[in-house]
N, C-alpha and C. Protein backbone atom coordinates (compact mmCIF):
# COMPACT_ATOMS: atom_id res chain seq x y z
N UNK A 1 38.66 -42.02 -3.35
CA UNK A 1 38.54 -40.55 -3.14
C UNK A 1 37.72 -39.92 -4.11
N UNK A 2 36.98 -38.99 -3.26
CA UNK A 2 35.98 -38.21 -3.94
C UNK A 2 36.49 -36.84 -4.76
N UNK A 3 35.92 -36.33 -5.60
CA UNK A 3 36.27 -35.23 -6.32
C UNK A 3 36.28 -33.98 -5.48
N UNK A 4 37.39 -33.09 -5.38
CA UNK A 4 37.08 -31.94 -4.37
C UNK A 4 36.44 -30.88 -5.30
N UNK A 5 35.62 -30.22 -4.83
CA UNK A 5 34.65 -29.25 -5.49
C UNK A 5 35.47 -28.01 -5.45
N UNK A 6 35.24 -27.49 -6.64
CA UNK A 6 36.13 -25.86 -6.83
C UNK A 6 35.43 -25.06 -6.05
N UNK A 7 36.02 -24.31 -5.15
CA UNK A 7 35.52 -23.27 -4.30
C UNK A 7 35.07 -21.96 -5.03
N UNK A 8 34.11 -21.58 -4.80
CA UNK A 8 33.38 -20.11 -5.20
C UNK A 8 34.32 -19.06 -4.77
N UNK A 9 34.61 -18.23 -5.66
CA UNK A 9 35.39 -17.13 -4.69
C UNK A 9 34.34 -16.19 -3.99
N UNK A 10 34.78 -15.63 -2.96
CA UNK A 10 33.73 -14.99 -2.21
C UNK A 10 33.48 -13.38 -2.73
N UNK A 11 32.17 -13.05 -2.66
CA UNK A 11 31.89 -11.73 -3.32
C UNK A 11 32.64 -10.55 -2.49
N UNK A 12 33.11 -9.58 -3.44
CA UNK A 12 33.72 -8.29 -2.76
C UNK A 12 32.70 -7.86 -1.90
N UNK A 13 33.44 -6.69 -1.07
CA UNK A 13 32.41 -5.95 -0.04
C UNK A 13 31.56 -5.28 -1.11
N UNK A 14 32.06 -4.62 -2.27
CA UNK A 14 30.95 -4.02 -3.09
C UNK A 14 29.96 -4.52 -3.56
N UNK A 15 30.42 -6.12 -3.96
CA UNK A 15 29.38 -6.98 -4.42
C UNK A 15 28.23 -6.92 -3.44
N UNK A 16 28.74 -7.46 -2.12
CA UNK A 16 27.83 -7.50 -0.89
C UNK A 16 27.02 -6.52 -0.55
N UNK A 17 27.61 -5.04 -0.69
CA UNK A 17 26.77 -3.69 -0.53
C UNK A 17 25.56 -3.72 -1.43
N UNK A 18 26.06 -3.99 -2.70
CA UNK A 18 25.26 -3.76 -3.87
C UNK A 18 24.02 -4.82 -3.71
N UNK A 19 24.38 -5.89 -3.27
CA UNK A 19 23.09 -6.75 -3.03
C UNK A 19 22.02 -6.22 -2.15
N UNK A 20 22.80 -5.85 -0.88
CA UNK A 20 21.88 -5.54 0.14
C UNK A 20 21.02 -4.19 -0.12
N UNK A 21 21.75 -3.36 -0.93
CA UNK A 21 21.13 -2.12 -1.27
C UNK A 21 20.13 -2.32 -2.49
N UNK A 22 19.95 -3.35 -3.00
CA UNK A 22 19.05 -3.75 -4.17
C UNK A 22 19.46 -3.11 -5.61
N UNK A 23 20.96 -3.05 -5.85
CA UNK A 23 21.73 -2.47 -7.04
C UNK A 23 22.05 -4.10 -7.76
N UNK A 24 21.70 -3.87 -8.99
CA UNK A 24 21.92 -4.76 -9.90
C UNK A 24 23.05 -4.29 -11.05
N UNK A 25 24.25 -4.89 -11.24
CA UNK A 25 25.11 -4.26 -12.09
C UNK A 25 25.48 -5.34 -13.06
N UNK A 26 25.86 -4.82 -14.25
CA UNK A 26 26.53 -5.77 -15.28
C UNK A 26 27.58 -6.57 -14.84
N UNK A 27 27.71 -7.84 -14.72
CA UNK A 27 29.10 -8.40 -14.23
C UNK A 27 30.36 -8.38 -15.13
N UNK A 28 29.82 -7.76 -16.28
CA UNK A 28 30.84 -7.98 -17.29
C UNK A 28 31.71 -6.31 -17.25
N UNK A 29 31.00 -5.14 -17.04
CA UNK A 29 31.60 -3.80 -17.00
C UNK A 29 31.00 -2.99 -15.57
N UNK A 30 30.22 -3.72 -14.86
CA UNK A 30 30.25 -2.94 -13.48
C UNK A 30 29.18 -1.72 -13.63
N UNK A 31 28.32 -1.74 -14.55
CA UNK A 31 27.50 -0.77 -15.11
C UNK A 31 26.03 -1.02 -14.11
N UNK A 32 25.49 -0.14 -13.60
CA UNK A 32 24.37 -0.37 -12.75
C UNK A 32 23.18 -0.25 -14.17
N UNK A 33 22.47 -1.61 -13.89
CA UNK A 33 21.56 -1.70 -14.97
C UNK A 33 20.22 -1.49 -14.29
N UNK A 34 19.76 -1.80 -12.87
CA UNK A 34 18.90 -1.46 -12.25
C UNK A 34 18.85 -1.28 -10.85
N UNK A 35 17.72 -0.95 -10.26
CA UNK A 35 17.69 -0.98 -8.59
C UNK A 35 16.43 -1.43 -8.40
N UNK A 36 16.13 -2.07 -7.01
CA UNK A 36 14.93 -2.69 -6.71
C UNK A 36 14.03 -1.69 -6.28
N UNK A 37 14.57 -0.68 -5.83
CA UNK A 37 13.91 0.37 -5.13
C UNK A 37 14.19 1.81 -6.10
N UNK A 38 13.10 2.82 -6.05
CA UNK A 38 13.48 3.95 -6.83
C UNK A 38 14.68 4.85 -6.39
N UNK A 39 15.49 5.06 -6.88
CA UNK A 39 16.77 5.68 -7.02
C UNK A 39 16.48 6.81 -6.01
N UNK A 40 17.36 7.25 -4.91
CA UNK A 40 16.87 8.23 -4.01
C UNK A 40 17.25 9.63 -4.53
N UNK A 41 17.87 9.77 -5.50
CA UNK A 41 18.06 11.12 -6.33
C UNK A 41 17.10 11.19 -7.42
N UNK A 42 16.04 10.47 -7.63
CA UNK A 42 15.17 10.64 -9.01
C UNK A 42 14.31 11.67 -8.67
N UNK A 43 13.85 12.24 -7.73
CA UNK A 43 12.93 13.38 -7.74
C UNK A 43 13.61 14.75 -8.01
N UNK A 44 15.13 14.65 -8.10
CA UNK A 44 15.59 15.83 -8.66
C UNK A 44 15.34 15.99 -10.38
N UNK A 45 14.83 14.83 -10.96
CA UNK A 45 14.42 15.17 -12.25
C UNK A 45 12.83 15.39 -12.57
N UNK A 46 12.15 15.55 -11.43
CA UNK A 46 10.95 15.87 -11.37
C UNK A 46 10.71 17.40 -11.88
N UNK A 47 9.80 17.54 -12.75
CA UNK A 47 9.25 18.92 -13.04
C UNK A 47 10.40 19.82 -13.27
N UNK A 48 11.38 19.51 -14.14
CA UNK A 48 12.60 20.08 -14.48
C UNK A 48 12.51 21.69 -14.86
N UNK A 49 12.90 22.58 -14.36
CA UNK A 49 12.74 23.81 -14.93
C UNK A 49 13.06 24.37 -16.34
N UNK A 50 12.14 24.98 -17.08
CA UNK A 50 12.35 25.15 -18.28
C UNK A 50 12.59 26.72 -18.69
N UNK A 51 12.30 27.74 -17.74
CA UNK A 51 12.33 29.05 -17.70
C UNK A 51 11.39 29.77 -17.06
N UNK A 52 11.55 31.05 -16.49
CA UNK A 52 10.59 31.86 -15.79
C UNK A 52 9.11 31.76 -16.67
N UNK A 53 8.02 31.45 -16.04
CA UNK A 53 7.01 31.40 -16.56
C UNK A 53 6.55 30.18 -17.21
N UNK A 54 7.28 29.50 -17.61
CA UNK A 54 7.02 28.27 -18.20
C UNK A 54 7.01 27.06 -17.12
N UNK A 55 5.89 26.02 -17.43
CA UNK A 55 5.77 24.93 -16.46
C UNK A 55 6.97 23.76 -16.72
N UNK A 56 7.29 23.40 -15.54
CA UNK A 56 8.51 22.36 -15.53
C UNK A 56 8.12 21.27 -16.68
N UNK A 57 9.27 20.61 -17.02
CA UNK A 57 9.26 19.62 -17.78
C UNK A 57 8.91 18.20 -16.98
N UNK A 58 7.79 17.67 -17.33
CA UNK A 58 7.47 16.35 -16.78
C UNK A 58 7.79 15.14 -17.46
N UNK A 59 8.18 14.24 -16.90
CA UNK A 59 8.54 12.83 -17.42
C UNK A 59 8.03 11.76 -16.75
N UNK A 60 8.01 10.52 -17.46
CA UNK A 60 7.48 9.49 -16.83
C UNK A 60 8.41 9.06 -15.31
N UNK A 61 7.92 8.48 -14.25
CA UNK A 61 8.63 8.45 -13.13
C UNK A 61 9.97 7.23 -13.54
N UNK A 62 9.70 6.65 -14.35
CA UNK A 62 10.88 5.65 -15.04
C UNK A 62 11.84 6.21 -15.72
N UNK A 63 11.58 7.47 -16.20
CA UNK A 63 12.70 8.25 -17.04
C UNK A 63 13.36 8.69 -15.65
N UNK A 64 12.71 9.42 -14.77
CA UNK A 64 13.17 10.03 -13.75
C UNK A 64 14.32 9.10 -13.07
N UNK A 65 13.96 8.03 -12.72
CA UNK A 65 14.65 6.77 -12.40
C UNK A 65 15.99 6.33 -13.02
N UNK A 66 15.84 6.60 -14.37
CA UNK A 66 16.98 5.98 -15.21
C UNK A 66 17.85 6.98 -15.32
N UNK A 67 17.29 8.25 -15.25
CA UNK A 67 18.25 9.32 -15.49
C UNK A 67 19.33 9.47 -14.06
N UNK A 68 18.66 9.29 -13.00
CA UNK A 68 19.30 9.18 -11.68
C UNK A 68 20.33 8.14 -11.48
N UNK A 69 20.24 6.97 -12.03
CA UNK A 69 20.78 5.87 -12.06
C UNK A 69 22.11 6.04 -13.09
N UNK A 70 21.88 6.63 -14.13
CA UNK A 70 22.97 7.10 -15.34
C UNK A 70 23.81 8.12 -14.81
N UNK A 71 23.11 9.16 -14.20
CA UNK A 71 24.10 10.24 -13.61
C UNK A 71 24.76 10.11 -12.40
N UNK A 72 24.18 9.50 -11.52
CA UNK A 72 24.61 9.22 -10.03
C UNK A 72 25.43 7.97 -9.71
N UNK A 73 25.10 7.19 -10.44
CA UNK A 73 25.51 5.59 -10.13
C UNK A 73 26.62 5.30 -11.30
N UNK A 74 26.26 5.52 -12.79
CA UNK A 74 27.11 5.39 -13.73
C UNK A 74 28.18 6.32 -14.07
N UNK A 75 27.76 7.56 -14.09
CA UNK A 75 28.85 8.66 -14.30
C UNK A 75 29.34 9.14 -13.07
N UNK A 76 28.89 8.75 -11.71
CA UNK A 76 29.63 8.78 -10.60
C UNK A 76 29.57 10.51 -10.21
N UNK A 77 28.55 11.06 -10.68
CA UNK A 77 28.53 12.57 -10.20
C UNK A 77 27.72 12.54 -8.88
N UNK A 78 28.52 13.57 -7.97
CA UNK A 78 27.99 13.78 -6.65
C UNK A 78 26.59 14.42 -6.56
N UNK A 79 25.74 14.29 -5.67
CA UNK A 79 24.36 14.99 -5.36
C UNK A 79 24.68 16.57 -5.53
N UNK A 80 23.77 17.35 -5.73
CA UNK A 80 24.23 18.61 -5.83
C UNK A 80 24.56 19.34 -4.36
N UNK A 81 25.65 19.99 -4.25
CA UNK A 81 26.05 20.60 -3.19
C UNK A 81 25.51 22.14 -2.67
N UNK A 82 25.54 22.90 -3.70
CA UNK A 82 25.10 24.25 -3.71
C UNK A 82 23.92 24.57 -4.81
N UNK A 83 22.85 24.07 -4.72
CA UNK A 83 21.91 24.24 -5.70
C UNK A 83 21.47 25.83 -5.67
N UNK A 84 20.97 26.19 -6.93
CA UNK A 84 20.32 27.37 -6.91
C UNK A 84 19.04 27.49 -7.23
N UNK A 85 18.39 26.23 -7.18
CA UNK A 85 16.89 26.13 -6.91
C UNK A 85 16.42 25.46 -5.89
N UNK A 86 15.35 25.46 -5.38
CA UNK A 86 14.62 24.72 -4.22
C UNK A 86 13.48 24.21 -4.64
N UNK A 87 12.84 23.11 -4.02
CA UNK A 87 11.52 22.66 -4.51
C UNK A 87 10.58 23.41 -3.54
N UNK A 88 9.39 23.60 -4.13
CA UNK A 88 8.38 23.95 -3.49
C UNK A 88 6.98 23.10 -4.01
N UNK A 89 6.11 22.98 -3.02
CA UNK A 89 5.00 22.41 -3.45
C UNK A 89 3.91 22.87 -4.61
N UNK A 90 3.68 22.25 -5.58
CA UNK A 90 2.80 23.18 -6.66
C UNK A 90 1.45 22.92 -6.43
N UNK A 91 0.73 23.83 -6.14
CA UNK A 91 -0.49 24.01 -5.81
C UNK A 91 -1.56 23.57 -6.72
N UNK A 92 -1.08 23.71 -8.03
CA UNK A 92 -1.95 23.51 -9.21
C UNK A 92 -2.03 22.13 -9.84
N UNK A 93 -0.51 21.39 -9.32
CA UNK A 93 -0.37 20.14 -10.15
C UNK A 93 -1.74 19.35 -9.75
N UNK A 94 -2.03 18.96 -8.48
CA UNK A 94 -2.98 18.09 -7.94
C UNK A 94 -4.24 18.34 -9.03
N UNK A 95 -4.53 19.74 -9.13
CA UNK A 95 -5.83 19.98 -9.68
C UNK A 95 -5.54 19.72 -11.40
N UNK A 96 -4.71 19.87 -11.65
CA UNK A 96 -4.50 20.08 -13.29
C UNK A 96 -4.11 18.51 -13.79
N UNK A 97 -3.25 17.78 -12.83
CA UNK A 97 -2.89 16.57 -13.53
C UNK A 97 -3.24 15.33 -12.73
N UNK A 98 -4.09 15.67 -11.41
CA UNK A 98 -4.34 14.58 -10.74
C UNK A 98 -3.26 14.03 -9.88
N UNK A 99 -1.91 14.54 -9.90
CA UNK A 99 -0.82 13.95 -9.11
C UNK A 99 -0.31 15.14 -8.29
N UNK A 100 0.03 14.99 -7.10
CA UNK A 100 0.95 15.95 -6.43
C UNK A 100 2.12 16.16 -7.02
N UNK A 101 2.79 17.49 -6.97
CA UNK A 101 4.13 17.79 -7.51
C UNK A 101 4.50 18.90 -6.87
N UNK A 102 5.63 19.18 -7.50
CA UNK A 102 6.39 20.50 -7.06
C UNK A 102 7.01 21.33 -8.03
N UNK A 103 7.42 22.63 -7.97
CA UNK A 103 8.11 23.30 -8.90
C UNK A 103 9.34 23.62 -8.14
N UNK A 104 10.25 24.19 -9.29
CA UNK A 104 11.57 24.71 -8.60
C UNK A 104 11.51 26.09 -8.82
N UNK A 105 12.07 26.69 -7.54
CA UNK A 105 12.00 28.08 -7.58
C UNK A 105 13.42 28.53 -7.28
N UNK A 106 14.02 29.81 -7.55
CA UNK A 106 15.34 30.33 -7.21
C UNK A 106 15.44 30.19 -5.53
N UNK A 107 16.69 29.95 -5.20
CA UNK A 107 16.78 29.84 -3.48
C UNK A 107 16.44 31.12 -2.88
N UNK A 108 16.48 32.33 -3.65
CA UNK A 108 16.35 33.66 -2.93
C UNK A 108 14.96 33.84 -2.69
N UNK A 109 14.06 32.96 -3.46
CA UNK A 109 12.31 33.26 -3.31
C UNK A 109 12.11 33.01 -1.82
N UNK A 110 11.17 33.96 -1.29
CA UNK A 110 10.93 33.72 0.04
C UNK A 110 9.89 32.37 0.00
N UNK A 111 10.08 32.01 1.31
CA UNK A 111 9.02 30.75 1.44
C UNK A 111 7.79 31.26 1.38
N UNK A 112 6.62 30.34 1.08
CA UNK A 112 5.30 30.66 0.99
C UNK A 112 4.93 30.31 2.43
N UNK A 113 3.99 31.07 3.24
CA UNK A 113 3.94 30.70 4.55
C UNK A 113 2.83 29.42 4.54
N UNK A 114 2.35 28.99 3.53
CA UNK A 114 1.37 27.84 3.37
C UNK A 114 2.25 26.51 3.08
N UNK A 115 3.51 26.80 2.81
CA UNK A 115 4.34 25.65 2.40
C UNK A 115 4.70 24.87 3.62
N UNK A 116 5.01 23.74 3.46
CA UNK A 116 5.71 23.13 4.68
C UNK A 116 7.03 23.69 4.89
N UNK A 117 7.71 23.78 6.11
CA UNK A 117 9.03 24.14 6.18
C UNK A 117 10.05 23.42 5.46
N UNK A 118 11.02 24.49 5.03
CA UNK A 118 11.79 24.05 4.06
C UNK A 118 12.54 22.68 4.24
N UNK A 119 13.08 22.48 5.38
CA UNK A 119 13.72 21.28 5.90
C UNK A 119 12.74 19.84 5.61
N UNK A 120 11.40 20.17 5.70
CA UNK A 120 10.56 18.85 5.36
C UNK A 120 10.73 18.43 4.01
N UNK A 121 10.54 19.20 3.13
CA UNK A 121 10.86 19.06 1.54
C UNK A 121 9.68 17.60 1.38
N UNK A 122 9.98 17.17 -0.10
CA UNK A 122 9.04 16.09 -0.47
C UNK A 122 8.98 14.93 0.23
N UNK A 123 7.98 14.14 0.55
CA UNK A 123 8.27 12.86 1.06
C UNK A 123 8.42 11.77 0.06
N UNK A 124 9.51 11.08 0.61
CA UNK A 124 9.65 9.88 -0.27
C UNK A 124 9.20 8.64 0.47
N UNK A 125 8.49 7.84 -0.47
CA UNK A 125 8.08 6.64 0.10
C UNK A 125 8.44 5.51 -1.01
N UNK A 126 8.47 4.22 -0.67
CA UNK A 126 8.89 3.28 -1.55
C UNK A 126 7.99 3.09 -2.61
N UNK A 127 8.05 2.80 -3.86
CA UNK A 127 7.46 2.45 -4.83
C UNK A 127 6.94 1.16 -4.83
N UNK A 128 5.46 0.98 -4.85
CA UNK A 128 4.78 -0.11 -4.27
C UNK A 128 4.36 -0.81 -5.76
N UNK A 129 4.46 -0.12 -7.04
CA UNK A 129 3.96 -0.40 -8.09
C UNK A 129 3.77 -1.57 -8.41
N UNK A 130 4.92 -2.48 -8.26
CA UNK A 130 5.36 -3.78 -8.70
C UNK A 130 5.03 -4.82 -7.57
N UNK A 131 4.39 -4.26 -6.53
CA UNK A 131 4.15 -5.45 -5.69
C UNK A 131 3.02 -6.28 -5.99
N UNK A 132 3.03 -7.45 -5.42
CA UNK A 132 2.11 -8.38 -5.82
C UNK A 132 0.82 -8.39 -4.58
N UNK A 133 -0.34 -9.13 -4.67
CA UNK A 133 -1.43 -8.84 -3.65
C UNK A 133 -0.99 -9.23 -2.21
N UNK A 134 -0.04 -10.23 -2.00
CA UNK A 134 0.50 -10.51 -0.83
C UNK A 134 1.52 -9.39 -0.06
N UNK A 135 2.20 -8.86 -1.04
CA UNK A 135 2.96 -7.77 -0.32
C UNK A 135 2.06 -6.62 0.04
N UNK A 136 1.14 -6.13 -0.88
CA UNK A 136 -0.02 -5.34 -0.43
C UNK A 136 -0.50 -5.33 0.59
N UNK A 137 -0.94 -6.75 0.65
CA UNK A 137 -1.79 -6.93 2.14
C UNK A 137 -0.92 -6.73 3.48
N UNK A 138 0.49 -7.45 2.97
CA UNK A 138 1.34 -7.37 4.24
C UNK A 138 1.55 -5.63 4.61
N UNK A 139 1.70 -5.00 3.62
CA UNK A 139 1.83 -3.78 3.98
C UNK A 139 0.54 -2.95 4.60
N UNK A 140 -0.56 -3.10 4.11
CA UNK A 140 -1.63 -2.44 4.71
C UNK A 140 -1.81 -3.22 6.42
N UNK A 141 -1.44 -4.50 6.51
CA UNK A 141 -1.49 -4.85 7.83
C UNK A 141 -0.35 -4.13 8.63
N UNK A 142 0.65 -3.91 8.05
CA UNK A 142 1.80 -3.12 8.83
C UNK A 142 1.20 -1.57 9.29
N UNK A 143 0.67 -0.97 8.09
CA UNK A 143 0.18 0.31 8.52
C UNK A 143 -0.78 0.38 9.54
N UNK A 144 -1.71 -0.60 9.37
CA UNK A 144 -2.93 -0.76 10.47
C UNK A 144 -2.35 -1.01 11.76
N UNK A 145 -1.00 -1.61 11.86
CA UNK A 145 -0.52 -1.96 13.20
C UNK A 145 0.13 -0.66 13.67
N UNK A 146 0.69 -0.11 13.04
CA UNK A 146 1.51 1.13 13.41
C UNK A 146 0.35 2.44 13.75
N UNK A 147 -0.69 2.40 13.19
CA UNK A 147 -1.77 3.33 13.41
C UNK A 147 -2.52 2.89 14.54
N UNK A 148 -2.53 1.51 14.77
CA UNK A 148 -3.06 1.31 16.17
C UNK A 148 -2.29 1.53 17.36
N UNK A 149 -0.88 1.40 17.22
CA UNK A 149 0.05 1.59 18.31
C UNK A 149 0.26 3.25 18.54
N UNK A 150 0.28 3.92 17.63
CA UNK A 150 0.05 5.40 17.71
C UNK A 150 -1.07 5.79 18.53
N UNK A 151 -2.46 5.28 18.05
CA UNK A 151 -3.63 5.34 18.79
C UNK A 151 -3.49 5.11 20.32
N UNK A 152 -2.95 3.96 20.71
CA UNK A 152 -2.97 3.36 21.93
C UNK A 152 -1.77 4.30 22.77
N UNK A 153 -0.67 4.80 22.00
CA UNK A 153 -0.13 5.69 22.59
C UNK A 153 -0.48 6.84 23.09
N UNK A 154 -1.23 7.44 21.95
CA UNK A 154 -1.83 8.84 22.25
C UNK A 154 -3.02 8.81 23.42
N UNK A 155 -3.50 7.78 23.48
CA UNK A 155 -4.69 7.41 24.48
C UNK A 155 -4.01 7.48 25.86
N UNK A 156 -2.81 6.69 25.78
CA UNK A 156 -1.89 6.52 27.08
C UNK A 156 -1.54 7.84 27.59
N UNK A 157 -1.01 8.70 26.47
CA UNK A 157 -0.64 10.06 26.86
C UNK A 157 -1.63 11.12 27.34
N UNK A 158 -2.81 10.84 26.98
CA UNK A 158 -3.97 11.62 27.28
C UNK A 158 -4.52 11.38 28.81
N UNK A 159 -4.15 9.92 29.14
CA UNK A 159 -4.63 9.52 30.27
C UNK A 159 -3.33 9.75 31.45
N UNK A 160 -2.19 10.05 30.90
CA UNK A 160 -0.91 10.47 32.05
C UNK A 160 -0.91 11.45 32.81
N UNK A 161 -1.10 11.57 33.91
CA UNK A 161 -0.87 13.01 34.84
C UNK A 161 -2.21 13.51 34.72
N UNK A 162 -3.48 12.99 34.34
CA UNK A 162 -4.61 13.84 34.26
C UNK A 162 -5.41 14.12 35.49
N UNK A 163 -4.58 13.73 36.71
CA UNK A 163 -5.05 14.24 37.84
C UNK A 163 -6.68 13.79 38.29
N UNK A 164 -6.93 12.45 38.31
CA UNK A 164 -8.15 11.67 38.26
C UNK A 164 -8.67 11.78 39.57
N UNK A 165 -7.93 11.70 40.73
CA UNK A 165 -8.51 11.33 42.11
C UNK A 165 -9.43 12.64 42.71
N UNK A 166 -9.87 12.29 43.84
CA UNK A 166 -10.96 13.29 44.42
C UNK A 166 -10.07 14.29 45.39
């Protein structure tokens, strides 16, 4: 008779969800140690307001990410529900730091007509800083394909209903 192998316990739904979401927890205590992607709330720590007339506190993007993991994942704080600030693109950031940024202004501040609509907000994209050459090449190919499809669609739309006959 052969030995019976000990059956591994099935992962819980939470463990399966974490694996699919790219969340890495300490197996002994459940603390989130890392995420494969940038934390979705990390931008809340970008350019933290320090007072009227003072520049926002800037920190490395890694610190923003770790603060978001600590506060939202491990302390289980909920995202802001009724904030008193809103994000506004910082027109001087690109010029002064070489990086796009935004500033926080009180909610009651009127929108600048040159700013994007308030519902657009900052654009979040995947952090590709850790990608290897193959992943970057694959992303470039995917972008080129999307651009090609959009161009073909735009050309098809231009020709549709153009009333070409005599």
